């Protein structure tokens, strides 16, 4: 998932997506450990997507804080 796609989503959509990806990541790692999953690169992609979402959420939080300080 690209950062541009993530930026278009609302904060609530991002939180829901983060929960979904985290669950998928945990299931995938469990599957790899149990030798049910062959694609060992996919967890890396999921971790990166989760990190992108967290980064964008933090950016938004910082920007909202700055805009509140300017308005005071």
Protein backbone atom coordinates (compact mmCIF):
# COMPACT_ATOMS: atom_id res chain seq x y z
CA UNK A 1 0.00 0.00 0.00
CA UNK A 2 1.37 3.39 -0.94
CA UNK A 3 1.52 6.41 1.34
CA UNK A 4 -0.66 8.40 -1.06
CA UNK A 5 -3.44 5.83 -0.70
CA UNK A 6 -3.12 5.90 3.08
CA UNK A 7 -3.22 9.71 3.26
CA UNK A 8 -6.62 9.76 1.53
CA UNK A 9 -8.24 7.77 4.36
CA UNK A 10 -9.75 9.20 7.54
CA UNK A 11 -8.20 8.61 10.94
CA UNK A 12 -10.85 6.05 11.91
CA UNK A 13 -10.35 4.15 8.64
CA UNK A 14 -6.61 4.10 9.32
CA UNK A 15 -7.08 2.76 12.83
CA UNK A 16 -9.39 0.02 11.52
CA UNK A 17 -6.92 -0.83 8.75
CA UNK A 18 -4.06 -0.93 11.26
CA UNK A 19 -5.99 -3.38 13.46
CA UNK A 20 -6.80 -5.55 10.43
CA UNK A 21 -3.19 -5.60 9.20
CA UNK A 22 -1.85 -6.35 12.67
CA UNK A 23 -4.19 -9.33 12.99
CA UNK A 24 -3.25 -10.50 9.49
CA UNK A 25 0.45 -10.15 10.36
CA UNK A 26 0.07 -12.23 13.52
CA UNK A 27 -1.84 -14.95 11.67
CA UNK A 28 0.73 -14.97 8.88
CA UNK A 29 3.68 -15.30 11.24
CA UNK A 30 1.89 -18.10 13.05
CA UNK A 31 1.30 -19.83 9.71
CA UNK A 32 4.97 -19.51 8.78
CA UNK A 33 6.05 -20.98 12.10
CA UNK A 34 3.64 -23.88 11.61
CA UNK A 35 4.96 -24.35 8.04
CA UNK A 36 1.51 -23.64 6.54
CA UNK A 37 2.54 -20.44 4.79
CA UNK A 38 5.18 -20.43 2.04
CA UNK A 39 5.48 -16.68 1.43
CA UNK A 40 8.01 -15.56 4.02
CA UNK A 41 8.34 -12.05 2.55
CA UNK A 42 4.76 -11.01 3.13
CA UNK A 43 5.22 -10.26 6.88
CA UNK A 44 7.87 -7.71 5.92
CA UNK A 45 5.40 -5.93 3.64
CA UNK A 46 2.70 -5.96 6.31
CA UNK A 47 5.08 -4.52 8.91
CA UNK A 48 6.00 -1.73 6.52
CA UNK A 49 2.33 -0.97 5.82
CA UNK A 50 1.59 -0.84 9.54
CA UNK A 51 4.55 1.50 10.05
CA UNK A 52 3.33 3.77 7.22
CA UNK A 53 -0.10 3.99 8.83
CA UNK A 54 1.39 4.80 12.24
CA UNK A 55 3.65 7.44 10.71
CA UNK A 56 0.78 9.18 8.94
CA UNK A 57 -1.38 9.10 12.07
CA UNK A 58 1.48 10.67 14.04
CA UNK A 59 2.02 13.32 11.35
CA UNK A 60 -1.64 14.26 11.54
CA UNK A 61 -1.50 14.45 15.33
CA UNK A 62 1.53 16.77 15.17
CA UNK A 63 -0.06 18.98 12.52
CA UNK A 64 -3.26 19.28 14.56
CA UNK A 65 -1.20 20.28 17.59
CA UNK A 66 0.62 22.97 15.62
CA UNK A 67 -2.59 24.39 14.20
CA UNK A 68 -4.07 24.60 17.71
CA UNK A 69 -1.01 26.48 18.97
CA UNK A 70 -1.22 29.01 16.13
CA UNK A 71 -4.90 29.66 16.75
CA UNK A 72 -4.33 30.49 20.44
